[in-house]
């Protein structure tokens, strides 16, 4: 379920220190229920191990295939457009305490992990269109349990990046995010939720 940006910006997440020049594009309450306070690292691990791009609906899988094909054709995903090349990695902005104390964090192949804490995970991606961050967090649900929350932060690459983000917005809201929420709920039930 999409929620207010304030649900992300009002909390004292460490990601705020790294992304003052990024915009909060989306914030979602993730579909897990009944989670305990210490389950976040397992939740992150299961989410990143799952293959949403290929296990989603055929329509969403086709959208990803088209996007990667176009990216290859137009050079959007060339290594020279990524972190450490066109843009500096956010790892360069990590405060000493966060860089020194954050455990090794998993990645999913397209995202580069920044850090993993007991209630917060961040990973980045950059290409010719934008520099983006996926931020996952663990928040009290108001009923004695915890739920996941996902924020997407972006820094478009000029006019082209802004036009690209505007062009894909309807696809994200109508197809990708609803499919992602269903996928994450199935992942939670299958991989993480304790047996009754």
N, C-alpha and C. Protein backbone atom coordinates (compact mmCIF):
# COMPACT_ATOMS: atom_id res chain seq x y z
N UNK A 1 0.85 -1.17 0.00
CA UNK A 1 0.00 0.00 0.00
C UNK A 1 0.89 1.24 0.00
N UNK A 2 0.60 2.15 -0.91
CA UNK A 2 1.36 3.40 -0.97
C UNK A 2 0.97 4.27 0.22
N UNK A 3 1.98 4.87 0.84
CA UNK A 3 1.74 5.70 2.02
C UNK A 3 2.41 7.06 1.84
N UNK A 4 2.16 7.94 2.77
CA UNK A 4 2.68 9.30 2.71
C UNK A 4 4.21 9.32 2.75
N UNK A 5 4.80 10.24 2.00
CA UNK A 5 6.26 10.41 2.05
C UNK A 5 6.72 10.76 3.46
N UNK A 6 5.83 11.40 4.21
CA UNK A 6 6.16 11.77 5.58
C UNK A 6 6.47 10.55 6.45
N UNK A 7 5.91 9.39 6.10
CA UNK A 7 6.20 8.16 6.84
C UNK A 7 7.67 7.79 6.73
N UNK A 8 8.32 8.25 5.68
CA UNK A 8 9.76 8.04 5.52
C UNK A 8 10.55 9.24 6.05
N UNK A 9 10.17 10.43 5.62
CA UNK A 9 10.98 11.62 5.93
C UNK A 9 10.94 12.00 7.41
N UNK A 10 9.87 11.63 8.13
CA UNK A 10 9.75 12.03 9.53
C UNK A 10 10.52 11.11 10.48
N UNK A 11 11.01 10.00 9.98
CA UNK A 11 11.73 9.06 10.85
C UNK A 11 13.23 9.33 10.77
N UNK A 12 13.96 9.01 11.84
CA UNK A 12 15.39 9.33 11.90
C UNK A 12 16.28 8.31 11.18
N UNK A 13 15.97 7.99 9.93
CA UNK A 13 16.77 7.01 9.20
C UNK A 13 18.14 7.58 8.86
N UNK A 14 19.12 6.71 8.85
CA UNK A 14 20.49 7.12 8.51
C UNK A 14 20.60 7.53 7.03
N UNK A 15 19.71 7.04 6.20
CA UNK A 15 19.78 7.36 4.78
C UNK A 15 19.65 8.85 4.52
N UNK A 16 18.98 9.57 5.42
CA UNK A 16 18.82 11.02 5.22
C UNK A 16 20.17 11.72 5.16
N UNK A 17 21.17 11.21 5.90
CA UNK A 17 22.49 11.82 5.90
C UNK A 17 23.17 11.70 4.54
N UNK A 18 22.81 10.66 3.80
CA UNK A 18 23.49 10.37 2.53
C UNK A 18 22.80 10.97 1.32
N UNK A 19 21.53 11.33 1.45
CA UNK A 19 20.73 11.67 0.27
C UNK A 19 20.03 13.03 0.33
N UNK A 20 20.70 14.09 0.82
CA UNK A 20 20.00 15.38 0.87
C UNK A 20 19.67 15.93 -0.52
N UNK A 21 20.37 15.46 -1.55
CA UNK A 21 20.15 15.94 -2.92
C UNK A 21 19.27 14.98 -3.73
N UNK A 22 18.63 14.01 -3.07
CA UNK A 22 17.73 13.07 -3.72
C UNK A 22 16.29 13.43 -3.36
N UNK A 23 15.35 13.04 -4.21
CA UNK A 23 13.93 13.23 -3.93
C UNK A 23 13.31 11.89 -3.54
N UNK A 24 12.36 11.94 -2.62
CA UNK A 24 11.62 10.74 -2.26
C UNK A 24 10.54 10.54 -3.32
N UNK A 25 10.71 9.50 -4.13
CA UNK A 25 9.78 9.24 -5.23
C UNK A 25 8.54 8.50 -4.75
N UNK A 26 8.73 7.47 -3.95
CA UNK A 26 7.62 6.63 -3.50
C UNK A 26 7.91 6.09 -2.11
N UNK A 27 6.86 5.85 -1.33
CA UNK A 27 6.96 5.17 -0.04
C UNK A 27 5.83 4.15 0.03
N UNK A 28 6.16 2.93 0.41
CA UNK A 28 5.19 1.84 0.45
C UNK A 28 5.26 1.10 1.77
N UNK A 29 4.10 0.79 2.32
CA UNK A 29 4.01 -0.15 3.45
C UNK A 29 4.04 -1.53 2.81
N UNK A 30 4.98 -2.36 3.22
CA UNK A 30 5.13 -3.68 2.61
C UNK A 30 4.16 -4.67 3.25
N UNK A 31 3.71 -5.64 2.46
CA UNK A 31 2.65 -6.55 2.92
C UNK A 31 3.16 -7.72 3.74
N UNK A 32 3.72 -7.42 4.88
CA UNK A 32 4.05 -8.48 5.83
C UNK A 32 3.34 -8.15 7.12
N UNK A 33 2.83 -9.14 7.79
CA UNK A 33 2.11 -8.89 9.04
C UNK A 33 2.61 -9.84 10.11
N UNK A 34 2.52 -9.38 11.34
CA UNK A 34 2.88 -10.23 12.47
C UNK A 34 4.35 -10.44 12.67
N UNK A 35 5.17 -9.56 12.14
CA UNK A 35 6.62 -9.72 12.24
C UNK A 35 7.12 -9.25 13.60
N UNK A 36 8.16 -9.89 14.06
CA UNK A 36 8.78 -9.50 15.31
C UNK A 36 9.84 -8.43 15.10
N UNK A 37 10.30 -7.80 16.18
CA UNK A 37 11.25 -6.69 16.06
C UNK A 37 12.62 -7.11 15.52
N UNK A 38 12.98 -8.38 15.65
CA UNK A 38 14.32 -8.81 15.24
C UNK A 38 14.36 -9.53 13.89
N UNK A 39 13.26 -9.50 13.15
CA UNK A 39 13.19 -10.27 11.90
C UNK A 39 13.64 -9.51 10.66
N UNK A 40 14.03 -8.26 10.81
CA UNK A 40 14.36 -7.46 9.64
C UNK A 40 15.51 -8.02 8.81
N UNK A 41 16.65 -8.41 9.39
CA UNK A 41 17.72 -8.95 8.54
C UNK A 41 17.29 -10.16 7.72
N UNK A 42 16.48 -11.04 8.32
CA UNK A 42 15.97 -12.20 7.57
C UNK A 42 15.03 -11.76 6.46
N UNK A 43 14.22 -10.75 6.74
CA UNK A 43 13.30 -10.23 5.75
C UNK A 43 14.06 -9.66 4.55
N UNK A 44 15.08 -8.87 4.81
CA UNK A 44 15.89 -8.29 3.74
C UNK A 44 16.54 -9.40 2.92
N UNK A 45 17.12 -10.36 3.60
CA UNK A 45 17.79 -11.47 2.91
C UNK A 45 16.83 -12.21 1.98
N UNK A 46 15.63 -12.50 2.47
CA UNK A 46 14.65 -13.22 1.66
C UNK A 46 14.18 -12.37 0.48
N UNK A 47 13.97 -11.09 0.71
CA UNK A 47 13.53 -10.22 -0.37
C UNK A 47 14.57 -10.15 -1.48
N UNK A 48 15.84 -10.03 -1.10
CA UNK A 48 16.89 -9.89 -2.10
C UNK A 48 17.21 -11.21 -2.79
N UNK A 49 16.93 -12.31 -2.12
CA UNK A 49 17.16 -13.62 -2.75
C UNK A 49 16.05 -13.97 -3.74
N UNK A 50 14.86 -13.41 -3.53
CA UNK A 50 13.73 -13.68 -4.43
C UNK A 50 13.99 -13.00 -5.77
N UNK A 51 13.46 -13.57 -6.83
CA UNK A 51 13.70 -13.07 -8.19
C UNK A 51 12.43 -12.46 -8.76
N UNK A 52 12.09 -11.27 -8.27
CA UNK A 52 10.87 -10.61 -8.69
C UNK A 52 10.80 -10.42 -10.19
N UNK A 53 11.89 -9.97 -10.77
CA UNK A 53 11.91 -9.65 -12.20
C UNK A 53 11.46 -10.82 -13.07
N UNK A 54 11.83 -12.03 -12.66
CA UNK A 54 11.49 -13.21 -13.46
C UNK A 54 10.27 -13.98 -12.93
N UNK A 55 9.96 -13.82 -11.64
CA UNK A 55 8.85 -14.57 -11.05
C UNK A 55 7.55 -13.78 -10.96
N UNK A 56 7.57 -12.54 -11.42
CA UNK A 56 6.35 -11.73 -11.41
C UNK A 56 5.45 -12.20 -12.55
N UNK A 57 4.38 -11.49 -12.76
CA UNK A 57 3.46 -11.83 -13.85
C UNK A 57 4.19 -11.73 -15.18
N UNK A 58 3.68 -12.43 -16.20
CA UNK A 58 4.30 -12.34 -17.53
C UNK A 58 4.38 -10.91 -18.05
N UNK A 59 3.38 -10.09 -17.74
CA UNK A 59 3.38 -8.70 -18.21
C UNK A 59 4.53 -7.93 -17.58
N UNK A 60 4.71 -8.07 -16.26
CA UNK A 60 5.79 -7.35 -15.58
C UNK A 60 7.14 -7.88 -16.03
N UNK A 61 7.28 -9.19 -16.16
CA UNK A 61 8.53 -9.76 -16.66
C UNK A 61 8.85 -9.22 -18.06
N UNK A 62 7.82 -9.10 -18.91
CA UNK A 62 8.02 -8.55 -20.25
C UNK A 62 8.45 -7.09 -20.19
N UNK A 63 7.87 -6.31 -19.27
CA UNK A 63 8.29 -4.91 -19.11
C UNK A 63 9.76 -4.81 -18.75
N UNK A 64 10.21 -5.65 -17.82
CA UNK A 64 11.61 -5.64 -17.46
C UNK A 64 12.48 -6.05 -18.64
N UNK A 65 12.07 -7.05 -19.38
CA UNK A 65 12.85 -7.50 -20.55
C UNK A 65 12.96 -6.38 -21.58
N UNK A 66 11.85 -5.67 -21.81
CA UNK A 66 11.88 -4.54 -22.75
C UNK A 66 12.81 -3.45 -22.24
N UNK A 67 12.71 -3.15 -20.93
CA UNK A 67 13.56 -2.10 -20.36
C UNK A 67 15.04 -2.45 -20.51
N UNK A 68 15.42 -3.71 -20.22
CA UNK A 68 16.83 -4.09 -20.34
C UNK A 68 17.27 -4.08 -21.79
N UNK A 69 16.39 -4.46 -22.70
CA UNK A 69 16.71 -4.43 -24.13
C UNK A 69 16.96 -3.00 -24.60
N UNK A 70 16.05 -2.08 -24.23
CA UNK A 70 16.23 -0.68 -24.58
C UNK A 70 17.49 -0.10 -23.95
N UNK A 71 17.73 -0.47 -22.69
CA UNK A 71 18.94 0.00 -22.02
C UNK A 71 20.20 -0.44 -22.73
N UNK A 72 20.21 -1.69 -23.21
CA UNK A 72 21.36 -2.17 -23.96
C UNK A 72 21.50 -1.47 -25.29
N UNK A 73 20.39 -1.27 -25.97
CA UNK A 73 20.39 -0.63 -27.28
C UNK A 73 20.88 0.81 -27.21
N UNK A 74 20.40 1.56 -26.20
CA UNK A 74 20.74 2.98 -26.10
C UNK A 74 21.89 3.27 -25.13
N UNK A 75 22.46 2.24 -24.53
CA UNK A 75 23.60 2.44 -23.63
C UNK A 75 23.24 3.01 -22.28
N UNK A 76 21.97 2.89 -21.87
CA UNK A 76 21.56 3.45 -20.58
C UNK A 76 22.25 2.78 -19.41
N UNK A 77 22.56 1.49 -19.55
CA UNK A 77 23.10 0.72 -18.43
C UNK A 77 24.58 0.41 -18.58
N UNK A 78 25.24 1.10 -19.48
CA UNK A 78 26.67 0.92 -19.67
C UNK A 78 27.40 1.19 -18.35
N UNK A 79 28.46 0.44 -18.10
CA UNK A 79 29.19 0.61 -16.83
C UNK A 79 29.66 2.04 -16.63
N UNK A 80 29.94 2.74 -17.70
CA UNK A 80 30.40 4.14 -17.58
C UNK A 80 29.31 5.07 -17.05
N UNK A 81 28.06 4.58 -17.04
CA UNK A 81 26.93 5.38 -16.54
C UNK A 81 26.61 5.09 -15.08
N UNK A 82 27.29 4.12 -14.49
CA UNK A 82 26.96 3.67 -13.15
C UNK A 82 27.72 4.37 -12.05
N UNK A 83 27.61 3.80 -10.84
CA UNK A 83 28.32 4.36 -9.69
C UNK A 83 29.82 4.16 -9.86
N UNK A 84 30.56 5.14 -9.42
CA UNK A 84 32.01 5.10 -9.54
C UNK A 84 32.49 5.62 -10.89
N UNK A 85 31.55 5.87 -11.79
CA UNK A 85 31.89 6.39 -13.12
C UNK A 85 31.18 7.73 -13.31
N UNK A 86 29.91 7.68 -13.81
CA UNK A 86 29.17 8.93 -14.02
C UNK A 86 28.83 9.61 -12.71
N UNK A 87 28.51 8.82 -11.69
CA UNK A 87 28.19 9.37 -10.38
C UNK A 87 29.04 8.69 -9.31
N UNK A 88 29.36 9.44 -8.28
CA UNK A 88 30.09 8.86 -7.15
C UNK A 88 29.13 7.97 -6.36
N UNK A 89 29.65 6.87 -5.87
CA UNK A 89 28.84 6.00 -5.04
C UNK A 89 28.50 6.68 -3.72
N UNK A 90 27.33 6.38 -3.20
CA UNK A 90 26.95 6.92 -1.89
C UNK A 90 27.80 6.33 -0.77
N UNK A 91 28.50 5.25 -1.05
CA UNK A 91 29.42 4.70 -0.05
C UNK A 91 30.46 5.75 0.35
N UNK A 92 30.79 6.65 -0.59
CA UNK A 92 31.76 7.71 -0.29
C UNK A 92 31.21 8.71 0.72
N UNK A 93 29.88 8.72 0.91
CA UNK A 93 29.26 9.63 1.87
C UNK A 93 28.99 8.98 3.22
N UNK A 94 29.25 7.69 3.35
CA UNK A 94 28.94 7.02 4.61
C UNK A 94 29.69 7.66 5.77
N UNK A 95 28.99 8.05 6.84
CA UNK A 95 29.68 8.54 8.03
C UNK A 95 30.58 7.44 8.59
N UNK A 96 31.63 7.84 9.26
CA UNK A 96 32.61 6.87 9.78
C UNK A 96 31.94 5.82 10.65
N UNK A 97 31.03 6.25 11.54
CA UNK A 97 30.42 5.27 12.43
C UNK A 97 29.55 4.28 11.66
N UNK A 98 28.85 4.73 10.65
CA UNK A 98 28.01 3.83 9.87
C UNK A 98 28.86 2.89 9.03
N UNK A 99 29.87 3.42 8.39
CA UNK A 99 30.76 2.59 7.59
C UNK A 99 31.52 1.58 8.42
N UNK A 100 31.88 1.96 9.64
CA UNK A 100 32.67 1.08 10.49
C UNK A 100 31.82 0.03 11.21
N UNK A 101 30.55 0.34 11.44
CA UNK A 101 29.75 -0.58 12.25
C UNK A 101 28.73 -1.38 11.45
N UNK A 102 28.43 -0.95 10.22
CA UNK A 102 27.42 -1.67 9.45
C UNK A 102 27.96 -3.03 9.01
N UNK A 103 27.20 -4.09 9.25
CA UNK A 103 27.65 -5.41 8.79
C UNK A 103 27.59 -5.49 7.28
N UNK A 104 28.24 -6.50 6.73
CA UNK A 104 28.16 -6.72 5.29
C UNK A 104 26.70 -6.86 4.90
N UNK A 105 26.32 -6.23 3.83
CA UNK A 105 24.92 -6.23 3.41
C UNK A 105 24.78 -6.96 2.09
N UNK A 106 23.71 -7.73 1.94
CA UNK A 106 23.50 -8.43 0.68
C UNK A 106 23.06 -7.48 -0.42
N UNK A 107 23.31 -7.86 -1.65
CA UNK A 107 22.83 -7.13 -2.82
C UNK A 107 22.01 -8.07 -3.66
N UNK A 108 21.36 -7.54 -4.68
CA UNK A 108 20.54 -8.41 -5.52
C UNK A 108 21.05 -8.50 -6.95
N UNK A 109 22.24 -8.03 -7.21
CA UNK A 109 22.78 -8.10 -8.55
C UNK A 109 22.73 -6.77 -9.28
N UNK A 110 21.58 -6.10 -9.31
CA UNK A 110 21.50 -4.80 -9.98
C UNK A 110 21.70 -3.66 -8.99
N UNK A 111 21.40 -3.91 -7.73
CA UNK A 111 21.59 -2.90 -6.68
C UNK A 111 22.90 -3.17 -5.94
N UNK A 112 23.59 -2.08 -5.59
CA UNK A 112 24.82 -2.19 -4.80
C UNK A 112 24.49 -1.82 -3.36
N UNK A 113 24.71 -2.73 -2.42
CA UNK A 113 24.35 -2.44 -1.03
C UNK A 113 25.20 -1.33 -0.43
N UNK A 114 24.56 -0.54 0.41
CA UNK A 114 25.24 0.52 1.13
C UNK A 114 25.46 0.13 2.60
N UNK A 115 24.41 -0.33 3.26
CA UNK A 115 24.52 -0.76 4.65
C UNK A 115 23.30 -1.56 5.04
N UNK A 116 23.47 -2.32 6.12
CA UNK A 116 22.38 -3.08 6.72
C UNK A 116 22.48 -2.92 8.22
N UNK A 117 21.42 -2.39 8.81
CA UNK A 117 21.33 -2.23 10.25
C UNK A 117 20.19 -3.10 10.76
N UNK A 118 19.90 -3.05 12.05
CA UNK A 118 18.84 -3.91 12.60
C UNK A 118 17.45 -3.51 12.13
N UNK A 119 17.29 -2.27 11.62
CA UNK A 119 15.98 -1.83 11.17
C UNK A 119 16.02 -1.03 9.88
N UNK A 120 17.14 -1.10 9.16
CA UNK A 120 17.30 -0.25 7.98
C UNK A 120 18.30 -0.86 7.01
N UNK A 121 17.96 -0.83 5.73
CA UNK A 121 18.83 -1.32 4.67
C UNK A 121 18.74 -0.35 3.51
N UNK A 122 19.87 -0.09 2.87
CA UNK A 122 19.87 0.78 1.70
C UNK A 122 20.80 0.21 0.64
N UNK A 123 20.37 0.36 -0.60
CA UNK A 123 21.17 -0.06 -1.74
C UNK A 123 20.97 0.95 -2.85
N UNK A 124 21.97 1.09 -3.72
CA UNK A 124 21.89 2.09 -4.77
C UNK A 124 22.03 1.47 -6.16
N UNK A 125 21.59 2.22 -7.13
CA UNK A 125 21.73 1.87 -8.54
C UNK A 125 21.90 3.17 -9.31
N UNK A 126 22.71 3.14 -10.34
CA UNK A 126 22.86 4.32 -11.20
C UNK A 126 22.96 3.87 -12.64
N UNK A 127 22.36 4.64 -13.51
CA UNK A 127 22.48 4.41 -14.94
C UNK A 127 22.37 5.77 -15.62
N UNK A 128 22.21 5.78 -16.92
CA UNK A 128 22.18 7.04 -17.66
C UNK A 128 20.97 7.89 -17.32
N UNK A 129 19.91 7.28 -16.79
CA UNK A 129 18.68 8.01 -16.51
C UNK A 129 18.64 8.63 -15.12
N UNK A 130 19.24 7.97 -14.13
CA UNK A 130 19.13 8.45 -12.75
C UNK A 130 20.10 7.73 -11.83
N UNK A 131 20.20 8.26 -10.62
CA UNK A 131 20.89 7.61 -9.51
C UNK A 131 19.78 7.34 -8.50
N UNK A 132 19.59 6.10 -8.11
CA UNK A 132 18.48 5.76 -7.24
C UNK A 132 18.90 4.99 -6.01
N UNK A 133 18.04 5.04 -5.00
CA UNK A 133 18.26 4.32 -3.75
C UNK A 133 16.98 3.57 -3.40
N UNK A 134 17.13 2.29 -3.05
CA UNK A 134 16.03 1.54 -2.45
C UNK A 134 16.33 1.49 -0.96
N UNK A 135 15.41 2.01 -0.16
CA UNK A 135 15.58 2.02 1.29
C UNK A 135 14.49 1.16 1.91
N UNK A 136 14.89 0.14 2.63
CA UNK A 136 13.96 -0.72 3.36
C UNK A 136 14.11 -0.44 4.84
N UNK A 137 12.99 -0.45 5.54
CA UNK A 137 13.05 -0.19 6.97
C UNK A 137 12.01 -1.05 7.68
N UNK A 138 12.13 -1.12 9.00
CA UNK A 138 11.31 -1.96 9.87
C UNK A 138 10.64 -1.04 10.87
N UNK A 139 9.33 -0.93 10.80
CA UNK A 139 8.62 0.03 11.65
C UNK A 139 7.53 -0.66 12.45
N UNK A 140 7.24 -0.17 13.66
CA UNK A 140 6.12 -0.72 14.42
C UNK A 140 4.82 -0.51 13.66
N UNK A 141 3.95 -1.52 13.68
CA UNK A 141 2.69 -1.42 12.93
C UNK A 141 1.54 -0.85 13.77
N UNK A 142 1.82 -0.49 15.02
CA UNK A 142 0.79 0.06 15.89
C UNK A 142 -0.06 -0.98 16.59
N UNK A 143 0.23 -2.28 16.32
CA UNK A 143 -0.54 -3.36 16.93
C UNK A 143 0.37 -4.36 17.62
N UNK A 144 1.58 -3.92 17.97
CA UNK A 144 2.51 -4.77 18.69
C UNK A 144 3.46 -5.58 17.83
N UNK A 145 3.35 -5.45 16.53
CA UNK A 145 4.25 -6.16 15.62
C UNK A 145 4.96 -5.14 14.74
N UNK A 146 5.70 -5.64 13.76
CA UNK A 146 6.46 -4.78 12.86
C UNK A 146 6.10 -5.10 11.42
N UNK A 147 6.34 -4.13 10.55
CA UNK A 147 6.13 -4.32 9.12
C UNK A 147 7.27 -3.66 8.37
N UNK A 148 7.45 -4.10 7.15
CA UNK A 148 8.45 -3.48 6.28
C UNK A 148 7.91 -2.23 5.63
N UNK A 149 8.83 -1.36 5.30
CA UNK A 149 8.49 -0.14 4.58
C UNK A 149 9.57 0.07 3.53
N UNK A 150 9.19 0.47 2.34
CA UNK A 150 10.15 0.70 1.26
C UNK A 150 10.00 2.12 0.75
N UNK A 151 11.12 2.81 0.66
CA UNK A 151 11.15 4.13 0.04
C UNK A 151 12.08 4.07 -1.16
N UNK A 152 11.69 4.75 -2.22
CA UNK A 152 12.51 4.86 -3.41
C UNK A 152 12.90 6.32 -3.54
N UNK A 153 14.22 6.56 -3.55
CA UNK A 153 14.74 7.91 -3.66
C UNK A 153 15.47 8.02 -4.99
N UNK A 154 15.33 9.16 -5.66
CA UNK A 154 15.95 9.31 -6.97
C UNK A 154 16.60 10.68 -7.14
N UNK A 155 17.60 10.66 -8.00
CA UNK A 155 18.24 11.89 -8.47
C UNK A 155 18.33 11.73 -9.98
N UNK A 156 17.35 12.28 -10.73
CA UNK A 156 17.36 12.10 -12.18
C UNK A 156 18.59 12.73 -12.81
N UNK A 157 19.02 12.16 -13.93
CA UNK A 157 20.16 12.67 -14.67
C UNK A 157 19.67 13.69 -15.71
N UNK A 158 19.54 14.93 -15.31
CA UNK A 158 19.16 16.01 -16.21
C UNK A 158 17.75 15.88 -16.76
N UNK A 159 17.51 16.60 -17.86
CA UNK A 159 16.19 16.62 -18.49
C UNK A 159 15.81 15.24 -19.00
N UNK A 160 16.78 14.50 -19.54
CA UNK A 160 16.51 13.16 -20.03
C UNK A 160 16.03 12.26 -18.89
N UNK A 161 16.71 12.33 -17.75
CA UNK A 161 16.32 11.51 -16.60
C UNK A 161 14.95 11.87 -16.08
N UNK A 162 14.63 13.15 -16.02
CA UNK A 162 13.30 13.57 -15.56
C UNK A 162 12.22 13.09 -16.52
N UNK A 163 12.49 13.18 -17.84
CA UNK A 163 11.51 12.70 -18.82
C UNK A 163 11.34 11.19 -18.72
N UNK A 164 12.43 10.48 -18.51
CA UNK A 164 12.37 9.02 -18.37
C UNK A 164 11.53 8.63 -17.15
N UNK A 165 11.79 9.27 -16.01
CA UNK A 165 11.05 8.96 -14.79
C UNK A 165 9.56 9.26 -14.98
N UNK A 166 9.23 10.36 -15.67
CA UNK A 166 7.82 10.69 -15.92
C UNK A 166 7.19 9.66 -16.86
N UNK A 167 7.95 9.19 -17.84
CA UNK A 167 7.41 8.22 -18.81
C UNK A 167 7.11 6.87 -18.18
N UNK A 168 7.94 6.44 -17.22
CA UNK A 168 7.72 5.12 -16.63
C UNK A 168 6.77 5.14 -15.43
N UNK A 169 6.43 6.31 -14.96
CA UNK A 169 5.58 6.42 -13.77
C UNK A 169 4.27 5.64 -13.89
N UNK A 170 3.51 5.78 -14.98
CA UNK A 170 2.26 5.01 -15.06
C UNK A 170 2.48 3.50 -15.00
N UNK A 171 3.56 3.02 -15.62
CA UNK A 171 3.85 1.59 -15.59
C UNK A 171 4.20 1.13 -14.17
N UNK A 172 4.95 1.97 -13.45
CA UNK A 172 5.30 1.63 -12.07
C UNK A 172 4.06 1.49 -11.21
N UNK A 173 3.15 2.48 -11.30
CA UNK A 173 1.98 2.48 -10.42
C UNK A 173 0.91 1.48 -10.83
N UNK A 174 0.71 1.29 -12.11
CA UNK A 174 -0.36 0.41 -12.56
C UNK A 174 0.05 -1.06 -12.62
N UNK A 175 1.32 -1.34 -12.89
CA UNK A 175 1.73 -2.72 -13.11
C UNK A 175 2.82 -3.20 -12.15
N UNK A 176 3.92 -2.45 -12.07
CA UNK A 176 5.08 -2.96 -11.34
C UNK A 176 4.84 -2.99 -9.83
N UNK A 177 4.44 -1.88 -9.23
CA UNK A 177 4.29 -1.86 -7.78
C UNK A 177 3.20 -2.82 -7.27
N UNK A 178 2.03 -2.88 -7.90
CA UNK A 178 1.04 -3.87 -7.42
C UNK A 178 1.58 -5.30 -7.50
N UNK A 179 2.27 -5.63 -8.59
CA UNK A 179 2.85 -6.97 -8.72
C UNK A 179 3.93 -7.20 -7.68
N UNK A 180 4.73 -6.16 -7.40
CA UNK A 180 5.78 -6.28 -6.39
C UNK A 180 5.18 -6.52 -5.01
N UNK A 181 4.11 -5.82 -4.66
CA UNK A 181 3.49 -6.02 -3.35
C UNK A 181 2.96 -7.45 -3.21
N UNK A 182 2.31 -7.97 -4.25
CA UNK A 182 1.82 -9.37 -4.20
C UNK A 182 2.99 -10.34 -4.07
N UNK A 183 4.06 -10.08 -4.80
CA UNK A 183 5.24 -10.94 -4.76
C UNK A 183 5.87 -10.94 -3.37
N UNK A 184 6.00 -9.75 -2.78
CA UNK A 184 6.61 -9.65 -1.45
C UNK A 184 5.74 -10.34 -0.39
N UNK A 185 4.43 -10.26 -0.53
CA UNK A 185 3.55 -10.95 0.40
C UNK A 185 3.73 -12.46 0.30
N UNK A 186 3.80 -12.97 -0.94
CA UNK A 186 4.04 -14.41 -1.13
C UNK A 186 5.39 -14.82 -0.55
N UNK A 187 6.41 -13.98 -0.75
CA UNK A 187 7.74 -14.27 -0.22
C UNK A 187 7.70 -14.32 1.30
N UNK A 188 7.00 -13.37 1.92
CA UNK A 188 6.89 -13.34 3.38
C UNK A 188 6.22 -14.60 3.89
N UNK A 189 5.10 -14.97 3.29
CA UNK A 189 4.36 -16.16 3.75
C UNK A 189 5.19 -17.42 3.55
N UNK A 190 5.82 -17.54 2.40
CA UNK A 190 6.56 -18.76 2.06
C UNK A 190 7.88 -18.89 2.81
N UNK A 191 8.65 -17.82 2.88
CA UNK A 191 10.01 -17.90 3.38
C UNK A 191 10.18 -17.53 4.84
N UNK A 192 9.34 -16.66 5.35
CA UNK A 192 9.65 -16.07 6.64
C UNK A 192 8.63 -16.30 7.74
N UNK A 193 7.36 -16.24 7.39
CA UNK A 193 6.36 -16.29 8.46
C UNK A 193 6.42 -17.62 9.20
N UNK A 194 6.52 -17.58 10.50
CA UNK A 194 6.57 -18.84 11.26
C UNK A 194 5.31 -19.67 11.05
N UNK A 195 5.47 -20.96 11.07
CA UNK A 195 4.30 -21.85 10.93
C UNK A 195 3.38 -21.67 12.12
N UNK A 196 2.08 -21.70 11.86
CA UNK A 196 1.09 -21.51 12.94
C UNK A 196 1.02 -22.75 13.80
